[in-house]
Amino acid sequence: MVERIRDELIFLCVLGANLVGTIGLKREYLRSLFVDPNYQKQGIGKMLVECMEEVAQENALSEIMLHSALTVQNFYTALGYDYSEIQMHDEGPFELMRKR
C-alpha cells in the first residue's frame, strides 16, 4: 500500500469526526474516489473531483484521465469527462475517461 501511494496526492473529506470521502491524483490520473454511502448525493464527490482538478491545473497538467466503473460513468460525464475506451483489468471492465 505504501508503494502505491508514495507518488500520489490524496485528499480526505472529513465532516466532524467522520471521514466521508477520498480522492487521489497520481501524475495525470484521478484515482480512488470514494464517498461514504451515507453521504452520497450531497456534492462531496463533485467537490473532491473539482479540488483535484484545481491541483492538476496549478501543476500545468493539460489532461486528466481516470478509470471509471461502468456504473458511475454518468457521474464523470456530468463533470465534463469524455469516454475514451473500455479497458479490461483483473477487477473487471473500466472506461478510460479524459478531460482536457
N, C-alpha and C. Protein backbone atom coordinates (compact mmCIF):
# COMPACT_ATOMS: atom_id res chain seq x y z
N MET A 1 0.82 -1.19 0.00
CA MET A 1 0.00 0.00 0.00
C MET A 1 0.87 1.26 0.00
N VAL A 2 1.93 1.26 0.79
CA VAL A 2 2.80 2.43 0.84
C VAL A 2 3.39 2.72 -0.53
N GLU A 3 3.80 1.69 -1.25
CA GLU A 3 4.36 1.89 -2.59
C GLU A 3 3.33 2.53 -3.51
N ARG A 4 2.09 2.11 -3.41
CA ARG A 4 1.04 2.62 -4.29
C ARG A 4 0.82 4.11 -4.07
N ILE A 5 0.89 4.57 -2.83
CA ILE A 5 0.55 5.97 -2.57
C ILE A 5 1.77 6.88 -2.47
N ARG A 6 2.95 6.33 -2.62
CA ARG A 6 4.15 7.14 -2.44
C ARG A 6 4.15 8.39 -3.33
N ASP A 7 3.79 8.27 -4.59
CA ASP A 7 3.81 9.39 -5.52
C ASP A 7 2.41 9.92 -5.81
N GLU A 8 1.52 9.70 -4.88
CA GLU A 8 0.13 10.08 -5.10
C GLU A 8 -0.29 11.14 -4.10
N LEU A 9 -0.95 12.19 -4.59
CA LEU A 9 -1.53 13.20 -3.72
C LEU A 9 -2.92 12.70 -3.33
N ILE A 10 -3.23 12.71 -2.04
CA ILE A 10 -4.51 12.22 -1.57
C ILE A 10 -5.21 13.31 -0.77
N PHE A 11 -6.47 13.56 -1.10
CA PHE A 11 -7.31 14.47 -0.33
C PHE A 11 -8.31 13.64 0.46
N LEU A 12 -8.58 14.09 1.67
CA LEU A 12 -9.59 13.47 2.51
C LEU A 12 -10.68 14.51 2.79
N CYS A 13 -11.91 14.08 2.81
CA CYS A 13 -13.02 14.94 3.20
C CYS A 13 -13.52 14.44 4.55
N VAL A 14 -13.43 15.31 5.55
CA VAL A 14 -13.81 14.96 6.92
C VAL A 14 -14.92 15.92 7.36
N LEU A 15 -16.01 15.34 7.85
CA LEU A 15 -17.11 16.13 8.42
C LEU A 15 -17.23 15.74 9.89
N GLY A 16 -16.96 16.71 10.76
CA GLY A 16 -16.92 16.39 12.19
C GLY A 16 -15.80 15.41 12.42
N ALA A 17 -16.13 14.26 13.00
CA ALA A 17 -15.13 13.22 13.25
C ALA A 17 -15.19 12.12 12.21
N ASN A 18 -15.97 12.33 11.13
CA ASN A 18 -16.19 11.28 10.14
C ASN A 18 -15.41 11.51 8.86
N LEU A 19 -14.65 10.50 8.45
CA LEU A 19 -14.03 10.51 7.12
C LEU A 19 -15.12 10.10 6.14
N VAL A 20 -15.51 11.03 5.26
CA VAL A 20 -16.64 10.74 4.37
C VAL A 20 -16.25 10.61 2.91
N GLY A 21 -15.01 11.00 2.55
CA GLY A 21 -14.62 10.88 1.16
C GLY A 21 -13.12 10.96 0.97
N THR A 22 -12.66 10.39 -0.14
CA THR A 22 -11.24 10.43 -0.50
C THR A 22 -11.12 10.54 -2.02
N ILE A 23 -9.98 11.05 -2.46
CA ILE A 23 -9.63 11.06 -3.87
C ILE A 23 -8.11 11.17 -3.97
N GLY A 24 -7.56 10.62 -5.04
CA GLY A 24 -6.12 10.69 -5.25
C GLY A 24 -5.79 11.20 -6.65
N LEU A 25 -4.59 11.73 -6.80
CA LEU A 25 -4.07 12.14 -8.11
C LEU A 25 -2.65 11.61 -8.21
N LYS A 26 -2.43 10.76 -9.20
CA LYS A 26 -1.10 10.22 -9.46
C LYS A 26 -0.76 10.57 -10.90
N ARG A 27 0.23 11.43 -11.04
CA ARG A 27 0.55 12.02 -12.34
C ARG A 27 -0.73 12.62 -12.92
N GLU A 28 -1.18 12.16 -14.08
CA GLU A 28 -2.38 12.74 -14.70
C GLU A 28 -3.64 11.91 -14.46
N TYR A 29 -3.57 10.95 -13.53
CA TYR A 29 -4.70 10.06 -13.28
C TYR A 29 -5.41 10.39 -11.97
N LEU A 30 -6.71 10.66 -12.05
CA LEU A 30 -7.55 10.71 -10.86
C LEU A 30 -7.75 9.28 -10.39
N ARG A 31 -7.66 9.06 -9.09
CA ARG A 31 -7.75 7.69 -8.57
C ARG A 31 -8.53 7.67 -7.26
N SER A 32 -9.11 6.53 -7.01
CA SER A 32 -9.64 6.19 -5.69
C SER A 32 -10.67 7.18 -5.15
N LEU A 33 -11.55 7.67 -6.00
CA LEU A 33 -12.65 8.50 -5.50
C LEU A 33 -13.60 7.60 -4.73
N PHE A 34 -13.86 7.97 -3.50
CA PHE A 34 -14.81 7.23 -2.67
C PHE A 34 -15.56 8.22 -1.80
N VAL A 35 -16.88 8.03 -1.74
CA VAL A 35 -17.72 8.79 -0.81
C VAL A 35 -18.53 7.77 -0.01
N ASP A 36 -18.50 7.91 1.30
CA ASP A 36 -19.28 7.04 2.17
C ASP A 36 -20.74 7.03 1.69
N PRO A 37 -21.34 5.86 1.54
CA PRO A 37 -22.72 5.79 1.05
C PRO A 37 -23.71 6.65 1.85
N ASN A 38 -23.44 6.87 3.13
CA ASN A 38 -24.33 7.72 3.94
C ASN A 38 -24.24 9.19 3.57
N TYR A 39 -23.23 9.57 2.79
CA TYR A 39 -23.02 10.97 2.42
C TYR A 39 -23.09 11.20 0.91
N GLN A 40 -23.47 10.19 0.16
CA GLN A 40 -23.57 10.33 -1.29
C GLN A 40 -24.76 11.22 -1.66
N LYS A 41 -24.72 11.75 -2.88
CA LYS A 41 -25.77 12.63 -3.42
C LYS A 41 -25.84 13.97 -2.67
N GLN A 42 -24.70 14.37 -2.08
CA GLN A 42 -24.63 15.65 -1.38
C GLN A 42 -23.57 16.58 -1.96
N GLY A 43 -22.99 16.19 -3.10
CA GLY A 43 -22.00 17.03 -3.76
C GLY A 43 -20.57 16.81 -3.30
N ILE A 44 -20.33 15.85 -2.43
CA ILE A 44 -18.98 15.62 -1.91
C ILE A 44 -18.06 15.08 -3.00
N GLY A 45 -18.54 14.11 -3.77
CA GLY A 45 -17.72 13.57 -4.86
C GLY A 45 -17.35 14.64 -5.87
N LYS A 46 -18.33 15.45 -6.25
CA LYS A 46 -18.08 16.54 -7.20
C LYS A 46 -17.05 17.52 -6.63
N MET A 47 -17.18 17.86 -5.35
CA MET A 47 -16.24 18.78 -4.72
C MET A 47 -14.83 18.20 -4.72
N LEU A 48 -14.70 16.91 -4.40
CA LEU A 48 -13.37 16.29 -4.39
C LEU A 48 -12.74 16.30 -5.78
N VAL A 49 -13.53 15.96 -6.80
CA VAL A 49 -13.01 15.98 -8.18
C VAL A 49 -12.58 17.39 -8.55
N GLU A 50 -13.42 18.39 -8.26
CA GLU A 50 -13.09 19.77 -8.62
C GLU A 50 -11.84 20.26 -7.89
N CYS A 51 -11.67 19.88 -6.63
CA CYS A 51 -10.45 20.26 -5.90
C CYS A 51 -9.21 19.67 -6.55
N MET A 52 -9.30 18.40 -6.95
CA MET A 52 -8.16 17.76 -7.58
C MET A 52 -7.90 18.34 -8.97
N GLU A 53 -8.95 18.74 -9.68
CA GLU A 53 -8.76 19.39 -10.98
C GLU A 53 -8.02 20.71 -10.83
N GLU A 54 -8.29 21.44 -9.75
CA GLU A 54 -7.57 22.69 -9.49
C GLU A 54 -6.07 22.41 -9.28
N VAL A 55 -5.76 21.37 -8.54
CA VAL A 55 -4.36 20.98 -8.33
C VAL A 55 -3.71 20.63 -9.66
N ALA A 56 -4.43 19.87 -10.48
CA ALA A 56 -3.90 19.49 -11.80
C ALA A 56 -3.62 20.73 -12.64
N GLN A 57 -4.55 21.68 -12.61
CA GLN A 57 -4.36 22.92 -13.38
C GLN A 57 -3.17 23.71 -12.85
N GLU A 58 -3.03 23.80 -11.53
CA GLU A 58 -1.90 24.50 -10.94
C GLU A 58 -0.57 23.86 -11.30
N ASN A 59 -0.60 22.58 -11.60
CA ASN A 59 0.62 21.84 -11.97
C ASN A 59 0.75 21.67 -13.48
N ALA A 60 0.00 22.47 -14.23
CA ALA A 60 0.08 22.54 -15.69
C ALA A 60 -0.20 21.21 -16.38
N LEU A 61 -1.08 20.39 -15.80
CA LEU A 61 -1.50 19.18 -16.49
C LEU A 61 -2.55 19.56 -17.53
N SER A 62 -2.31 19.20 -18.77
CA SER A 62 -3.23 19.58 -19.84
C SER A 62 -4.40 18.61 -19.96
N GLU A 63 -4.29 17.45 -19.30
CA GLU A 63 -5.33 16.44 -19.41
C GLU A 63 -5.36 15.62 -18.11
N ILE A 64 -6.57 15.26 -17.70
CA ILE A 64 -6.75 14.36 -16.57
C ILE A 64 -7.44 13.12 -17.09
N MET A 65 -6.98 11.96 -16.64
CA MET A 65 -7.60 10.70 -17.04
C MET A 65 -8.04 9.95 -15.80
N LEU A 66 -8.96 9.01 -15.99
CA LEU A 66 -9.40 8.16 -14.90
C LEU A 66 -9.98 6.88 -15.46
N HIS A 67 -10.00 5.86 -14.64
CA HIS A 67 -10.65 4.60 -14.97
C HIS A 67 -11.96 4.58 -14.20
N SER A 68 -13.05 4.62 -14.92
CA SER A 68 -14.37 4.66 -14.30
C SER A 68 -15.04 3.30 -14.37
N ALA A 69 -15.63 2.89 -13.25
CA ALA A 69 -16.50 1.72 -13.30
C ALA A 69 -17.69 2.09 -14.18
N LEU A 70 -18.22 1.12 -14.88
CA LEU A 70 -19.33 1.38 -15.79
C LEU A 70 -20.52 1.98 -15.07
N THR A 71 -20.68 1.67 -13.79
CA THR A 71 -21.84 2.14 -13.03
C THR A 71 -21.80 3.63 -12.68
N VAL A 72 -20.63 4.26 -12.76
CA VAL A 72 -20.54 5.69 -12.40
C VAL A 72 -20.10 6.56 -13.56
N GLN A 73 -20.14 6.02 -14.76
CA GLN A 73 -19.71 6.78 -15.93
C GLN A 73 -20.52 8.08 -16.08
N ASN A 74 -21.81 8.05 -15.79
CA ASN A 74 -22.65 9.25 -15.91
C ASN A 74 -22.20 10.36 -14.96
N PHE A 75 -21.70 10.00 -13.79
CA PHE A 75 -21.20 10.98 -12.84
C PHE A 75 -20.05 11.77 -13.45
N TYR A 76 -19.09 11.06 -14.05
CA TYR A 76 -17.93 11.73 -14.64
C TYR A 76 -18.31 12.48 -15.92
N THR A 77 -19.23 11.95 -16.69
CA THR A 77 -19.69 12.66 -17.89
C THR A 77 -20.29 14.01 -17.50
N ALA A 78 -21.07 14.03 -16.43
CA ALA A 78 -21.68 15.28 -15.96
C ALA A 78 -20.63 16.30 -15.52
N LEU A 79 -19.43 15.81 -15.16
CA LEU A 79 -18.34 16.71 -14.76
C LEU A 79 -17.43 17.07 -15.92
N GLY A 80 -17.80 16.66 -17.15
CA GLY A 80 -17.04 17.07 -18.32
C GLY A 80 -16.04 16.06 -18.85
N TYR A 81 -16.04 14.85 -18.32
CA TYR A 81 -15.12 13.82 -18.79
C TYR A 81 -15.73 13.10 -19.99
N ASP A 82 -14.89 12.76 -20.95
CA ASP A 82 -15.32 12.09 -22.17
C ASP A 82 -14.82 10.65 -22.18
N TYR A 83 -15.67 9.77 -22.67
CA TYR A 83 -15.32 8.36 -22.84
C TYR A 83 -14.19 8.25 -23.86
N SER A 84 -13.20 7.41 -23.56
CA SER A 84 -12.11 7.17 -24.49
C SER A 84 -12.13 5.74 -25.01
N GLU A 85 -12.16 4.75 -24.08
CA GLU A 85 -12.17 3.35 -24.48
C GLU A 85 -12.47 2.47 -23.28
N ILE A 86 -12.89 1.24 -23.54
CA ILE A 86 -13.06 0.23 -22.49
C ILE A 86 -11.72 -0.47 -22.30
N GLN A 87 -11.32 -0.65 -21.06
CA GLN A 87 -10.09 -1.38 -20.74
C GLN A 87 -10.43 -2.49 -19.77
N MET A 88 -9.85 -3.65 -20.00
CA MET A 88 -10.08 -4.80 -19.13
C MET A 88 -8.97 -4.88 -18.07
N HIS A 89 -9.38 -5.07 -16.83
CA HIS A 89 -8.46 -5.23 -15.71
C HIS A 89 -8.90 -6.45 -14.91
N ASP A 90 -8.09 -6.88 -13.97
CA ASP A 90 -8.44 -8.03 -13.15
C ASP A 90 -9.77 -7.83 -12.43
N GLU A 91 -10.06 -6.59 -12.05
CA GLU A 91 -11.29 -6.28 -11.32
C GLU A 91 -12.51 -6.22 -12.23
N GLY A 92 -12.30 -6.21 -13.54
CA GLY A 92 -13.40 -6.13 -14.49
C GLY A 92 -13.17 -5.03 -15.51
N PRO A 93 -14.19 -4.73 -16.32
CA PRO A 93 -14.03 -3.68 -17.33
C PRO A 93 -14.14 -2.29 -16.71
N PHE A 94 -13.34 -1.38 -17.22
CA PHE A 94 -13.38 0.02 -16.82
C PHE A 94 -13.38 0.88 -18.07
N GLU A 95 -13.98 2.05 -17.95
CA GLU A 95 -13.94 3.01 -19.04
C GLU A 95 -12.80 3.99 -18.78
N LEU A 96 -11.92 4.14 -19.74
CA LEU A 96 -10.92 5.20 -19.67
C LEU A 96 -11.62 6.48 -20.08
N MET A 97 -11.58 7.48 -19.20
CA MET A 97 -12.22 8.76 -19.48
C MET A 97 -11.17 9.85 -19.37
N ARG A 98 -11.40 10.93 -20.13
CA ARG A 98 -10.43 12.04 -20.18
C ARG A 98 -11.14 13.39 -20.10
N LYS A 99 -10.42 14.34 -19.55
CA LYS A 99 -10.89 15.73 -19.54
C LYS A 99 -9.71 16.61 -19.86
N ARG A 100 -9.91 17.49 -20.82
CA ARG A 100 -8.82 18.42 -21.20
C ARG A 100 -9.13 19.81 -20.74
